[in-house]
C-alpha atoms as a PDB file:
ATOM      1  CA  MET A   1    -160.203 -56.173  57.420  1.00  0.00           C
ATOM      2  CA  VAL A   2    -157.795 -55.350  54.670  1.00  0.00           C
ATOM      3  CA  ALA A   3    -154.751 -58.022  54.037  1.00  0.00           C
ATOM      4  CA  ILE A   4    -151.838 -58.464  52.067  1.00  0.00           C
ATOM      5  CA  LEU A   5    -150.669 -61.734  50.776  1.00  0.00           C
ATOM      6  CA  TYR A   6    -147.036 -62.390  49.751  1.00  0.00           C
ATOM      7  CA  VAL A   7    -145.945 -65.179  48.135  1.00  0.00           C
ATOM      8  CA  ARG A   8    -142.716 -67.530  47.874  1.00  0.00           C
ATOM      9  CA  TYR A   9    -142.513 -70.133  45.843  1.00  0.00           C
ATOM     10  CA  SER A  10    -141.833 -73.013  48.582  1.00  0.00           C
ATOM     11  CA  ASN A  11    -144.962 -71.244  50.729  1.00  0.00           C
ATOM     12  CA  VAL A  12    -147.855 -68.295  51.338  1.00  0.00           C
ATOM     13  CA  LYS A  13    -146.897 -66.020  54.246  1.00  0.00           C
ATOM     14  CA  LEU A  14    -149.791 -63.396  55.544  1.00  0.00           C
ATOM     15  CA  VAL A  15    -147.852 -61.044  57.067  1.00  0.00           C
ATOM     16  CA  ASN A  16    -149.585 -60.229  60.090  1.00  0.00           C
ATOM     17  CA  TYR A  17    -151.791 -62.655  60.225  1.00  0.00           C
ATOM     18  CA  HIS A  18    -152.046 -66.330  60.435  1.00  0.00           C
ATOM     19  CA  THR A  19    -148.718 -67.145  59.782  1.00  0.00           C
ATOM     20  CA  ASP A  20    -149.303 -70.928  60.394  1.00  0.00           C
ATOM     21  CA  VAL A  21    -151.089 -71.700  56.824  1.00  0.00           C
ATOM     22  CA  GLN A  22    -147.991 -73.158  54.857  1.00  0.00           C
ATOM     23  CA  GLN A  23    -147.171 -75.539  52.409  1.00  0.00           C
ATOM     24  CA  ILE A  24    -150.702 -74.633  50.015  1.00  0.00           C
ATOM     25  CA  THR A  25    -148.793 -74.073  46.819  1.00  0.00           C
ATOM     26  CA  SER A  26    -146.646 -75.914  44.362  1.00  0.00           C
ATOM     27  CA  ARG A  27    -146.276 -73.036  41.751  1.00  0.00           C
ATOM     28  CA  LYS A  28    -145.822 -69.052  42.484  1.00  0.00           C
ATOM     29  CA  MET A  29    -149.035 -67.303  42.754  1.00  0.00           C
ATOM     30  CA  ARG A  30    -149.225 -63.172  42.012  1.00  0.00           C
ATOM     31  CA  LEU A  31    -150.015 -60.952  44.771  1.00  0.00           C
ATOM     32  CA  PHE A  32    -152.827 -60.350  45.668  1.00  0.00           C
ATOM     33  CA  LYS A  33    -153.723 -56.523  47.525  1.00  0.00           C
ATOM     34  CA  ASN A  34    -156.472 -55.548  49.499  1.00  0.00           C
ATOM     35  CA  ILE A  35    -158.329 -58.324  49.930  1.00  0.00           C
ATOM     36  CA  GLN A  36    -161.490 -58.179  51.674  1.00  0.00           C
ATOM     37  CA  LEU A  37    -162.527 -60.542  54.707  1.00  0.00           C
ATOM     38  CA  VAL A  38    -165.720 -61.295  56.811  1.00  0.00           C
ATOM     39  CA  ASN A  39    -163.639 -62.288  59.630  1.00  0.00           C
ATOM     40  CA  GLU A  40    -160.242 -62.050  59.907  1.00  0.00           C
ATOM     41  CA  SER A  41    -159.832 -64.788  62.871  1.00  0.00           C
ATOM     42  CA  ASN A  42    -160.905 -67.299  60.338  1.00  0.00           C
ATOM     43  CA  SER A  43    -158.310 -69.114  59.056  1.00  0.00           C
ATOM     44  CA  PHE A  44    -160.002 -71.335  56.854  1.00  0.00           C
ATOM     45  CA  GLY A  45    -161.439 -68.038  55.093  1.00  0.00           C
ATOM     46  CA  PHE A  46    -158.026 -67.761  54.328  1.00  0.00           C
ATOM     47  CA  PHE A  47    -157.399 -70.946  53.242  1.00  0.00           C
ATOM     48  CA  GLN A  48    -160.591 -71.105  51.269  1.00  0.00           C
ATOM     49  CA  LEU A  49    -159.545 -67.631  49.367  1.00  0.00           C
ATOM     50  CA  ILE A  50    -155.708 -68.733  47.969  1.00  0.00           C
ATOM     51  CA  ILE A  51    -157.798 -72.088  47.074  1.00  0.00           C
ATOM     52  CA  MET A  52    -159.849 -70.230  44.771  1.00  0.00           C
ATOM     53  CA  SER A  53    -157.312 -68.329  43.160  1.00  0.00           C
ATOM     54  CA  TYR A  54    -155.396 -71.296  42.597  1.00  0.00           C
ATOM     55  CA  GLN A  55    -158.634 -72.516  40.702  1.00  0.00           C
ATOM     56  CA  ILE A  56    -158.217 -69.630  38.442  1.00  0.00           C
ATOM     57  CA  GLU A  57    -154.362 -70.123  38.158  1.00  0.00           C
ATOM     58  CA  ASP A  58    -154.847 -74.065  36.984  1.00  0.00           C
ATOM     59  CA  ARG A  59    -157.578 -72.704  34.491  1.00  0.00           C
ATOM     60  CA  GLN A  60    -155.475 -69.957  33.072  1.00  0.00           C
ATOM     61  CA  HIS A  61    -152.456 -72.538  32.840  1.00  0.00           C
ATOM     62  CA  ILE A  62    -154.429 -75.161  30.876  1.00  0.00           C
ATOM     63  CA  LEU A  63    -155.935 -72.314  28.444  1.00  0.00           C
ATOM     64  CA  ARG A  64    -151.789 -71.629  28.071  1.00  0.00           C
ATOM     65  CA  THR A  65    -151.015 -75.004  27.721  1.00  0.00           C
ATOM     66  CA  GLN A  66    -153.866 -76.676  24.866  1.00  0.00           C
ATOM     67  CA  PRO A  67    -152.780 -77.853  21.936  1.00  0.00           C
ATOM     68  CA  GLN A  68    -153.685 -75.733  18.675  1.00  0.00           C
ATOM     69  CA  SER A  69    -156.890 -75.711  18.088  1.00  0.00           C
ATOM     70  CA  LEU A  70    -160.097 -73.203  17.826  1.00  0.00           C
ATOM     71  CA  ILE A  71    -161.153 -72.149  21.236  1.00  0.00           C
ATOM     72  CA  VAL A  72    -164.777 -71.204  21.779  1.00  0.00           C
ATOM     73  CA  ASN A  73    -164.356 -69.220  25.263  1.00  0.00           C
ATOM     74  CA  HIS A  74    -167.756 -69.408  27.273  1.00  0.00           C
ATOM     75  CA  THR A  75    -166.898 -67.325  30.417  1.00  0.00           C
ATOM     76  CA  ASP A  76    -167.942 -69.626  33.859  1.00  0.00           C
ATOM     77  CA  GLY A  77    -168.668 -67.968  37.366  1.00  0.00           C
ATOM     78  CA  ASN A  78    -165.005 -67.003  37.762  1.00  0.00           C
ATOM     79  CA  GLY A  79    -164.591 -65.058  34.443  1.00  0.00           C
ATOM     80  CA  VAL A  80    -162.339 -67.543  33.048  1.00  0.00           C
ATOM     81  CA  GLY A  81    -163.528 -69.189  29.686  1.00  0.00           C
ATOM     82  CA  ILE A  82    -163.018 -72.552  29.830  1.00  0.00           C
ATOM     83  CA  ASN A  83    -164.647 -74.734  27.553  1.00  0.00           C
ATOM     84  CA  MET A  84    -162.556 -75.514  24.502  1.00  0.00           C
ATOM     85  CA  LYS A  85    -163.558 -77.085  20.931  1.00  0.00           C
ATOM     86  CA  THR A  86    -161.484 -78.074  18.388  1.00  0.00           C
ATOM     87  CA  THR A  87    -162.700 -77.562  14.408  1.00  0.00           C
ATOM     88  CA  THR A  88    -161.697 -79.339  11.667  1.00  0.00           C
ATOM     89  CA  LEU A  89    -159.792 -77.053   9.080  1.00  0.00           C
ATOM     90  CA  THR A  90    -159.968 -76.878   5.890  1.00  0.00           C
ATOM     91  CA  VAL A  91    -157.722 -75.533   3.364  1.00  0.00           C
ATOM     92  CA  GLU A  92    -158.944 -72.602   2.801  1.00  0.00           C
ATOM     93  CA  ASP A  93    -158.784 -72.193   6.554  1.00  0.00           C
ATOM     94  CA  PHE A  94    -155.547 -72.341   6.583  1.00  0.00           C
ATOM     95  CA  ILE A  95    -154.831 -70.205   4.203  1.00  0.00           C
ATOM     96  CA  TYR A  96    -156.618 -67.276   5.713  1.00  0.00           C
ATOM     97  CA  ARG A  97    -154.357 -68.149   9.220  1.00  0.00           C
ATOM     98  CA  ALA A  98    -151.072 -68.410   6.817  1.00  0.00           C
ATOM     99  CA  ARG A  99    -152.455 -64.942   5.769  1.00  0.00           C
ATOM    100  CA  LEU A 100    -153.214 -63.554   9.045  1.00  0.00           C
ATOM    101  CA  ALA A 101    -149.567 -64.821  10.683  1.00  0.00           C
ATOM    102  CA  GLU A 102    -148.305 -63.056   7.624  1.00  0.00           C
ATOM    103  CA  LYS A 103    -149.735 -59.927   8.779  1.00  0.00           C
ATOM    104  CA  ALA A 104    -148.628 -60.285  12.163  1.00  0.00           C
ATOM    105  CA  LEU A 105    -145.194 -60.802  11.173  1.00  0.00           C
ATOM    106  CA  ARG A 106    -145.185 -64.371  12.805  1.00  0.00           C
ATOM    107  CA  TYR A 107    -143.417 -66.131   9.716  1.00  0.00           C
ATOM    108  CA  GLU A 108    -142.976 -69.527  12.286  1.00  0.00           C
ATOM    109  CA  ASP A 109    -146.425 -69.276  12.518  1.00  0.00           C
ATOM    110  CA  MET A 110    -147.033 -68.290   8.954  1.00  0.00           C
ATOM    111  CA  LEU A 111    -145.194 -71.975   7.812  1.00  0.00           C
ATOM    112  CA  ILE A 112    -147.066 -74.063   9.968  1.00  0.00           C
ATOM    113  CA  GLN A 113    -149.845 -72.896   8.401  1.00  0.00           C
ATOM    114  CA  MET A 114    -148.781 -73.565   4.736  1.00  0.00           C
ATOM    115  CA  ARG A 115    -147.140 -77.153   5.906  1.00  0.00           C
ATOM    116  CA  HIS A 116    -150.860 -77.910   6.258  1.00  0.00           C
ATOM    117  CA  VAL A 117    -151.819 -76.750   3.179  1.00  0.00           C
ATOM    118  CA  LEU A 118    -149.429 -78.853   1.446  1.00  0.00           C
ATOM    119  CA  ASP A 119    -150.447 -81.773   3.138  1.00  0.00           C
ATOM    120  CA  LEU A 120    -154.432 -81.102   1.902  1.00  0.00           C
ATOM    121  CA  LYS A 121    -153.219 -80.002  -1.437  1.00  0.00           C
ATOM    122  CA  LYS A 122    -150.723 -80.933  -4.158  1.00  0.00           C
ATOM    123  CA  LYS A 123    -151.417 -78.549  -6.323  1.00  0.00           C
ATOM    124  CA  LEU A 124    -151.206 -74.609  -5.915  1.00  0.00           C
ATOM    125  CA  THR A 125    -152.464 -71.784  -7.062  1.00  0.00           C
ATOM    126  CA  PRO A 126    -149.895 -68.964  -7.773  1.00  0.00           C
ATOM    127  CA  ASP A 127    -150.760 -67.066  -4.621  1.00  0.00           C
ATOM    128  CA  GLU A 128    -150.542 -70.191  -2.895  1.00  0.00           C
ATOM    129  CA  ARG A 129    -147.264 -71.040  -3.818  1.00  0.00           C
ATOM    130  CA  ASN A 130    -146.240 -67.316  -2.924  1.00  0.00           C
ATOM    131  CA  LEU A 131    -147.498 -68.081   0.772  1.00  0.00           C
ATOM    132  CA  LEU A 132    -145.604 -70.808   0.631  1.00  0.00           C
ATOM    133  CA  VAL A 133    -142.510 -68.807  -0.466  1.00  0.00           C
ATOM    134  CA  VAL A 134    -142.917 -66.050   1.970  1.00  0.00           C
ATOM    135  CA  ALA A 135    -142.982 -68.506   5.148  1.00  0.00           C
ATOM    136  CA  TYR A 136    -140.133 -70.466   4.453  1.00  0.00           C
ATOM    137  CA  LYS A 137    -137.592 -67.540   3.078  1.00  0.00           C
ATOM    138  CA  ASN A 138    -138.638 -65.347   5.887  1.00  0.00           C
ATOM    139  CA  ALA A 139    -137.629 -68.401   7.844  1.00  0.00           C
ATOM    140  CA  VAL A 140    -134.657 -68.723   6.306  1.00  0.00           C
ATOM    141  CA  THR A 141    -133.608 -65.337   5.786  1.00  0.00           C
ATOM    142  CA  THR A 142    -133.535 -64.550   9.741  1.00  0.00           C
ATOM    143  CA  ARG A 143    -131.401 -67.730  10.540  1.00  0.00           C
ATOM    144  CA  ARG A 144    -128.720 -66.514   6.993  1.00  0.00           C
ATOM    145  CA  THR A 145    -128.782 -63.343   8.611  1.00  0.00           C
ATOM    146  CA  ALA A 146    -128.004 -64.431  12.143  1.00  0.00           C
ATOM    147  CA  ILE A 147    -125.460 -66.770  11.047  1.00  0.00           C
ATOM    148  CA  ARG A 148    -123.885 -64.319   8.906  1.00  0.00           C
ATOM    149  CA  HIS A 149    -123.752 -61.071  12.330  1.00  0.00           C
ATOM    150  CA  LEU A 150    -122.140 -64.194  14.276  1.00  0.00           C
ATOM    151  CA  SER A 151    -119.825 -64.636  12.341  1.00  0.00           C
ATOM    152  CA  THR A 152    -118.640 -61.511  11.865  1.00  0.00           C
ATOM    153  CA  TYR A 153    -119.259 -61.069  15.956  1.00  0.00           C
ATOM    154  CA  CYS A 154    -116.806 -64.134  16.702  1.00  0.00           C
ATOM    155  CA  LYS A 155    -114.065 -62.754  14.445  1.00  0.00           C
ATOM    156  CA  LYS A 156    -113.535 -59.801  17.260  1.00  0.00           C
ATOM    157  CA  LEU A 157    -113.110 -61.804  20.272  1.00  0.00           C
ATOM    158  CA  ASP A 158    -110.318 -62.891  21.996  1.00  0.00           C
ATOM    159  CA  GLU A 159    -111.047 -64.951  24.334  1.00  0.00           C
ATOM    160  CA  VAL A 160    -110.404 -68.402  23.720  1.00  0.00           C
ATOM    161  CA  LYS A 161    -114.192 -70.116  25.444  1.00  0.00           C
ATOM    162  CA  LEU A 162    -116.574 -66.993  24.083  1.00  0.00           C
ATOM    163  CA  ILE A 163    -115.400 -67.359  21.039  1.00  0.00           C
ATOM    164  CA  GLN A 164    -116.292 -71.241  21.318  1.00  0.00           C
ATOM    165  CA  ILE A 165    -119.579 -69.873  22.921  1.00  0.00           C
ATOM    166  CA  CYS A 166    -120.487 -67.579  19.731  1.00  0.00           C
ATOM    167  CA  GLU A 167    -119.450 -70.568  17.155  1.00  0.00           C
ATOM    168  CA  GLN A 168    -120.910 -72.870  19.252  1.00  0.00           C
ATOM    169  CA  TYR A 169    -124.776 -70.987  19.125  1.00  0.00           C
ATOM    170  CA  ARG A 170    -124.127 -70.288  15.181  1.00  0.00           C
ATOM    171  CA  ASP A 171    -123.693 -73.688  14.501  1.00  0.00           C
ATOM    172  CA  GLU A 172    -127.209 -74.352  16.577  1.00  0.00           C
ATOM    173  CA  ILE A 173    -128.509 -71.651  13.931  1.00  0.00           C
ATOM    174  CA  ALA A 174    -126.631 -73.350  11.137  1.00  0.00           C
ATOM    175  CA  ASN A 175    -128.388 -76.659  12.013  1.00  0.00           C
ATOM    176  CA  GLU A 176    -132.126 -74.619  12.215  1.00  0.00           C
ATOM    177  CA  LEU A 177    -131.182 -73.349   8.611  1.00  0.00           C
ATOM    178  CA  TRP A 178    -130.167 -76.754   7.439  1.00  0.00           C
ATOM    179  CA  ASN A 179    -133.278 -79.047   8.731  1.00  0.00           C
ATOM    180  CA  LEU A 180    -135.785 -76.005   6.914  1.00  0.00           C
ATOM    181  CA  CYS A 181    -134.239 -76.025   4.133  1.00  0.00           C
ATOM    182  CA  GLN A 182    -134.371 -79.991   3.841  1.00  0.00           C
ATOM    183  CA  GLU A 183    -137.873 -79.809   5.124  1.00  0.00           C
ATOM    184  CA  LEU A 184    -138.564 -78.353   2.195  1.00  0.00           C
ATOM    185  CA  LEU A 185    -136.914 -79.970  -0.021  1.00  0.00           C
ATOM    186  CA  ASN A 186    -138.655 -82.941   1.156  1.00  0.00           C
ATOM    187  CA  VAL A 187    -142.313 -81.881   0.809  1.00  0.00           C
ATOM    188  CA  LEU A 188    -141.737 -80.260  -3.337  1.00  0.00           C
ATOM    189  CA  THR A 189    -141.211 -83.291  -4.538  1.00  0.00           C
ATOM    190  CA  PRO A 190    -144.461 -84.804  -4.487  1.00  0.00           C
ATOM    191  CA  ASN A 191    -146.553 -81.460  -5.113  1.00  0.00           C
ATOM    192  CA  ALA A 192    -145.056 -81.302  -8.706  1.00  0.00           C
ATOM    193  CA  ARG A 193    -146.520 -83.936 -11.516  1.00  0.00           C
ATOM    194  CA  ASN A 194    -147.968 -82.456 -14.517  1.00  0.00           C
ATOM    195  CA  ASP A 195    -148.062 -78.656 -14.487  1.00  0.00           C
ATOM    196  CA  ALA A 196    -145.017 -77.269 -16.317  1.00  0.00           C
ATOM    197  CA  GLU A 197    -145.012 -73.830 -14.790  1.00  0.00           C
ATOM    198  CA  GLN A 198    -145.736 -75.236 -10.528  1.00  0.00           C
ATOM    199  CA  ILE A 199    -142.526 -77.985 -11.374  1.00  0.00           C
ATOM    200  CA  ALA A 200    -139.973 -75.291 -12.529  1.00  0.00           C
ATOM    201  CA  PHE A 201    -141.039 -72.723 -10.325  1.00  0.00           C
ATOM    202  CA  TYR A 202    -140.399 -75.766  -7.728  1.00  0.00           C
ATOM    203  CA  GLU A 203    -137.714 -77.009  -9.446  1.00  0.00           C
ATOM    204  CA  ARG A 204    -136.307 -73.107  -8.875  1.00  0.00           C
ATOM    205  CA  MET A 205    -137.387 -73.403  -5.256  1.00  0.00           C
ATOM    206  CA  LYS A 206    -135.143 -76.255  -4.763  1.00  0.00           C
ATOM    207  CA  GLY A 207    -132.005 -74.594  -6.566  1.00  0.00           C
ATOM    208  CA  ASP A 208    -132.568 -71.728  -4.029  1.00  0.00           C
ATOM    209  CA  PHE A 209    -132.791 -73.874  -0.669  1.00  0.00           C
ATOM    210  CA  ILE A 210    -129.774 -76.109  -1.836  1.00  0.00           C
ATOM    211  CA  ARG A 211    -128.118 -72.458  -2.716  1.00  0.00           C
ATOM    212  CA  TYR A 212    -128.840 -71.860   0.809  1.00  0.00           C
ATOM    213  CA  GLU A 213    -127.320 -75.275   1.989  1.00  0.00           C
ATOM    214  CA  ILE A 214    -123.729 -74.535   0.245  1.00  0.00           C
ATOM    215  CA  GLU A 215    -123.375 -70.817   3.062  1.00  0.00           C
ATOM    216  CA  ILE A 216    -123.095 -73.206   5.153  1.00  0.00           C
ATOM    217  CA  ALA A 217    -122.357 -76.388   4.164  1.00  0.00           C
ATOM    218  CA  SER A 218    -118.773 -78.072   5.245  1.00  0.00           C
ATOM    219  CA  THR A 219    -116.172 -77.637   2.061  1.00  0.00           C
ATOM    220  CA  ASN A 220    -116.102 -80.849   0.927  1.00  0.00           C
ATOM    221  CA  LEU A 221    -120.259 -80.819   0.657  1.00  0.00           C
ATOM    222  CA  ARG A 222    -120.306 -77.934  -1.323  1.00  0.00           C
ATOM    223  CA  GLU A 223    -119.264 -79.089  -4.787  1.00  0.00           C
ATOM    224  CA  SER A 224    -121.896 -81.575  -4.600  1.00  0.00           C
ATOM    225  CA  LEU A 225    -124.352 -78.844  -3.522  1.00  0.00           C
ATOM    226  CA  GLN A 226    -123.306 -76.281  -5.840  1.00  0.00           C
ATOM    227  CA  ASN A 227    -124.151 -79.206  -8.921  1.00  0.00           C
ATOM    228  CA  GLU A 228    -127.232 -79.898  -7.334  1.00  0.00           C
ATOM    229  CA  ALA A 229    -128.372 -76.450  -7.597  1.00  0.00           C
ATOM    230  CA  ASN A 230    -127.142 -75.955 -10.815  1.00  0.00           C
ATOM    231  CA  VAL A 231    -129.154 -79.051 -12.278  1.00  0.00           C
ATOM    232  CA  CYS A 232    -132.350 -77.716 -10.578  1.00  0.00           C
ATOM    233  CA  TYR A 233    -131.521 -73.823 -12.175  1.00  0.00           C
ATOM    234  CA  LEU A 234    -131.140 -75.689 -14.722  1.00  0.00           C
ATOM    235  CA  ASN A 235    -134.244 -77.706 -15.200  1.00  0.00           C
ATOM    236  CA  ALA A 236    -136.683 -74.653 -14.149  1.00  0.00           C
ATOM    237  CA  LYS A 237    -135.274 -73.029 -16.715  1.00  0.00           C
ATOM    238  CA  GLU A 238    -135.439 -75.157 -19.797  1.00  0.00           C
ATOM    239  CA  LEU A 239    -139.101 -75.568 -18.463  1.00  0.00           C
ATOM    240  CA  ALA A 240    -140.175 -71.931 -18.318  1.00  0.00           C
ATOM    241  CA  GLU A 241    -138.051 -71.373 -21.629  1.00  0.00           C
ATOM    242  CA  ASN A 242    -140.517 -74.054 -23.502  1.00  0.00           C
ATOM    243  CA  HIS A 243    -143.575 -73.642 -21.538  1.00  0.00           C
ATOM    244  CA  LEU A 244    -143.927 -70.041 -20.223  1.00  0.00           C
ATOM    245  CA  PRO A 245    -143.636 -66.759 -22.573  1.00  0.00           C
ATOM    246  CA  ALA A 246    -140.463 -63.926 -21.700  1.00  0.00           C
ATOM    247  CA  TYR A 247    -142.246 -61.634 -19.795  1.00  0.00           C
ATOM    248  CA  HIS A 248    -144.241 -64.656 -17.334  1.00  0.00           C
ATOM    249  CA  PRO A 249    -143.312 -63.379 -13.506  1.00  0.00           C
ATOM    250  CA  VAL A 250    -142.257 -67.243 -12.810  1.00  0.00           C
ATOM    251  CA  ARG A 251    -139.761 -67.179 -15.818  1.00  0.00           C
ATOM    252  CA  VAL A 252    -138.347 -63.960 -15.331  1.00  0.00           C
ATOM    253  CA  GLY A 253    -137.987 -64.864 -10.950  1.00  0.00           C
ATOM    254  CA  ILE A 254    -136.035 -68.247 -12.742  1.00  0.00           C
ATOM    255  CA  MET A 255    -133.764 -65.966 -14.681  1.00  0.00           C
ATOM    256  CA  LEU A 256    -133.461 -63.377 -11.655  1.00  0.00           C
ATOM    257  CA  ASN A 257    -131.878 -66.457  -8.976  1.00  0.00           C
ATOM    258  CA  TYR A 258    -130.011 -68.458 -11.489  1.00  0.00           C
ATOM    259  CA  SER A 259    -127.964 -65.734 -12.151  1.00  0.00           C
ATOM    260  CA  VAL A 260    -127.784 -64.927  -8.472  1.00  0.00           C
ATOM    261  CA  PHE A 261    -126.544 -68.410  -7.775  1.00  0.00           C
ATOM    262  CA  CYS A 262    -123.728 -68.431 -10.810  1.00  0.00           C
ATOM    263  CA  PHE A 263    -123.003 -64.669  -9.082  1.00  0.00           C
ATOM    264  CA  ASN A 264    -122.472 -66.182  -5.434  1.00  0.00           C
ATOM    265  CA  SER A 265    -121.938 -70.039  -5.107  1.00  0.00           C
ATOM    266  CA  LYS A 266    -119.726 -70.391  -8.418  1.00  0.00           C
ATOM    267  CA  SER A 267    -118.327 -67.090  -8.723  1.00  0.00           C
ATOM    268  CA  LYS A 268    -118.841 -66.473 -12.243  1.00  0.00           C
ATOM    269  CA  ALA A 269    -120.241 -63.191 -12.487  1.00  0.00           C
ATOM    270  CA  ASP A 270    -119.383 -63.201 -16.237  1.00  0.00           C
ATOM    271  CA  ASN A 271    -122.464 -65.501 -16.529  1.00  0.00           C
ATOM    272  CA  ALA A 272    -124.563 -63.880 -14.147  1.00  0.00           C
ATOM    273  CA  LEU A 273    -124.450 -60.757 -15.979  1.00  0.00           C
ATOM    274  CA  LYS A 274    -124.983 -62.528 -19.482  1.00  0.00           C
ATOM    275  CA  ILE A 275    -127.869 -64.242 -17.979  1.00  0.00           C
ATOM    276  CA  ALA A 276    -129.058 -61.116 -16.465  1.00  0.00           C
ATOM    277  CA  LYS A 277    -129.305 -59.600 -19.605  1.00  0.00           C
ATOM    278  CA  GLN A 278    -130.666 -62.006 -22.192  1.00  0.00           C
ATOM    279  CA  ALA A 279    -133.923 -62.573 -19.605  1.00  0.00           C
ATOM    280  CA  TYR A 280    -134.354 -58.479 -19.112  1.00  0.00           C
ATOM    281  CA  GLU A 281    -134.007 -57.900 -22.928  1.00  0.00           C
ATOM    282  CA  GLU A 282    -136.090 -60.632 -23.528  1.00  0.00           C
ATOM    283  CA  ALA A 283    -139.235 -60.000 -21.220  1.00  0.00           C
ATOM    284  CA  LEU A 284    -138.810 -56.517 -22.322  1.00  0.00           C
ATOM    285  CA  ALA A 285    -139.322 -56.973 -25.600  1.00  0.00           C
ATOM    286  CA  ASP A 286    -142.787 -58.768 -24.737  1.00  0.00           C
ATOM    287  CA  TYR A 287    -143.837 -56.821 -21.809  1.00  0.00           C
ATOM    288  CA  ASP A 288    -146.912 -55.062 -23.679  1.00  0.00           C
ATOM    289  CA  GLN A 289    -148.191 -58.701 -24.416  1.00  0.00           C
ATOM    290  CA  LEU A 290    -148.734 -58.647 -20.667  1.00  0.00           C
ATOM    291  CA  HIS A 291    -152.226 -57.444 -19.726  1.00  0.00           C
ATOM    292  CA  ASN A 292    -152.961 -59.240 -16.536  1.00  0.00           C
ATOM    293  CA  GLU A 293    -152.287 -55.857 -14.353  1.00  0.00           C
ATOM    294  CA  GLU A 294    -151.394 -58.418 -11.214  1.00  0.00           C
ATOM    295  CA  MET A 295    -148.698 -60.564 -13.220  1.00  0.00           C
ATOM    296  CA  ARG A 296    -147.510 -56.999 -14.861  1.00  0.00           C
ATOM    297  CA  ARG A 297    -146.717 -55.861 -11.489  1.00  0.00           C
ATOM    298  CA  ASP A 298    -144.998 -59.009 -10.578  1.00  0.00           C
ATOM    299  CA  ALA A 299    -143.066 -58.855 -13.407  1.00  0.00           C
ATOM    300  CA  HIS A 300    -141.798 -55.123 -13.912  1.00  0.00           C
ATOM    301  CA  ALA A 301    -140.658 -56.246 -10.084  1.00  0.00           C
ATOM    302  CA  LEU A 302    -138.501 -58.835 -10.946  1.00  0.00           C
ATOM    303  CA  MET A 303    -136.965 -57.168 -14.077  1.00  0.00           C
ATOM    304  CA  LYS A 304    -136.097 -54.196 -12.204  1.00  0.00           C
ATOM    305  CA  SER A 305    -134.239 -56.671  -9.982  1.00  0.00           C
ATOM    306  CA  LEU A 306    -132.317 -57.775 -12.520  1.00  0.00           C
ATOM    307  CA  GLN A 307    -131.946 -54.372 -13.900  1.00  0.00           C
ATOM    308  CA  ASN A 308    -130.066 -53.389 -10.577  1.00  0.00           C
ATOM    309  CA  ASN A 309    -128.431 -56.586 -10.476  1.00  0.00           C
ATOM    310  CA  MET A 310    -126.495 -56.199 -13.941  1.00  0.00           C
ATOM    311  CA  LYS A 311    -125.074 -53.051 -12.017  1.00  0.00           C
ATOM    312  CA  HIS A 312    -124.077 -55.495  -9.292  1.00  0.00           C
ATOM    313  CA  PHE A 313    -122.321 -57.964 -11.657  1.00  0.00           C
ATOM    314  CA  ALA A 314    -120.267 -56.123 -13.481  1.00  0.00           C
ATOM    315  CA  LYS A 315    -118.580 -54.836 -10.288  1.00  0.00           C
ATOM    316  CA  GLY A 316    -117.727 -57.962  -9.406  1.00  0.00           C
ATOM    317  CA  PRO A 317    -117.768 -60.875  -5.905  1.00  0.00           C
ATOM    318  CA  GLY A 318    -118.731 -59.051  -2.617  1.00  0.00           C
ATOM    319  CA  SER A 319    -121.487 -56.769  -4.393  1.00  0.00           C
ATOM    320  CA  ASP A 320    -125.075 -56.940  -2.689  1.00  0.00           C
ATOM    321  CA  VAL A 321    -127.250 -58.377  -5.353  1.00  0.00           C
ATOM    322  CA  GLU A 322    -131.536 -58.894  -5.385  1.00  0.00           C
ATOM    323  CA  GLU A 323    -133.320 -62.053  -5.421  1.00  0.00           C
ATOM    324  CA  ILE A 324    -137.007 -63.495  -5.004  1.00  0.00           C
END
C-alpha cells in the first residue's frame, strides 16, 4: 500500500491513514513520498517509520553542527556517516587549507586558517605572508566596497526611516571592518622581530589597515590615525631603503601604498607623485639585476601599478588608484 506523509511544524498528519498519530515531532521533517507499508492498519508501523526517519535526520543535524574538525566518514546501516575524528593540524595543513579556501573564493575561511598559522608560526615565508595579505585584504575589501555602495545608496533615499535603516546597516559593516583591522594590527606586532624585510612588510601592512580605519573613522580620530599610519609607512620605507634593493617587491610595494596613502588620506597629490616617480625610476634602474623569476614577475606588476598611478596622481583627487 502507498501512503504520502504531509508534514507540519507542530505535528505530522497522515492523509487518509491513521490521522490519530499526532505530536511526534519537534522539528520540520521532509516530505516523504511513496512509502511502502506492509500493513496499512498497523499504526505502530507508521510510528516506527517516522521515528526511523527522525533518527536519520538527527544524525544529519549532528554532522551539520559539529565544530570544525576532519570528518572520517564511516557509513552506518542507514547510509549516513556518523563517526567523527579530530586530527591535530600542522602549520602546513592550515596553509594548504588556506590555499583551498582561496581557490574556492571563500576568503572568510581563508582568514580563519591564516589565524591558526599565526598562532603556530612566528616568522612567515614571503609566500605565507602573501596568503595572509590575500586573506585579510579580501575580507576587508568586501566590507569597504559595501560601505561605499551603501553610502551612495543612502543619499538617494527620501524617507527618514529608510535612511536610518540603511545607515544603521552600513555602520554595522563598518564595525566589522574596524574589528578586522584591529585584529590584524594586534597579531602583526609579536610576529615581526629581527628580520628587516618582514618588519618592513608588516609596518606597511599596519599602515594600510590604519588607512582603512581612516575611511570610516569619526572626524576627531582621523588626524591621529593619519599620523599613526604615516609613522608606519615611514618606518617601512626607511627599513626597505636601508636593507632591500630598489627592485625588491616588498620595497616597491611599500612605496606604492605609501604614495596611495599620501594621495588619498593626506590629500597631497604632489607628494604622492614624487614618491611614486622616484620609486619607479630606482626600481627600473636596478631591474636587470633581478634574476629570480617570481620576484621579477612581482616587481614588474608593482612597477606597472606605480606607472599607472602616476597618471592618476597627475589628474588630482578623485581618481581611482591601484595598490597592492
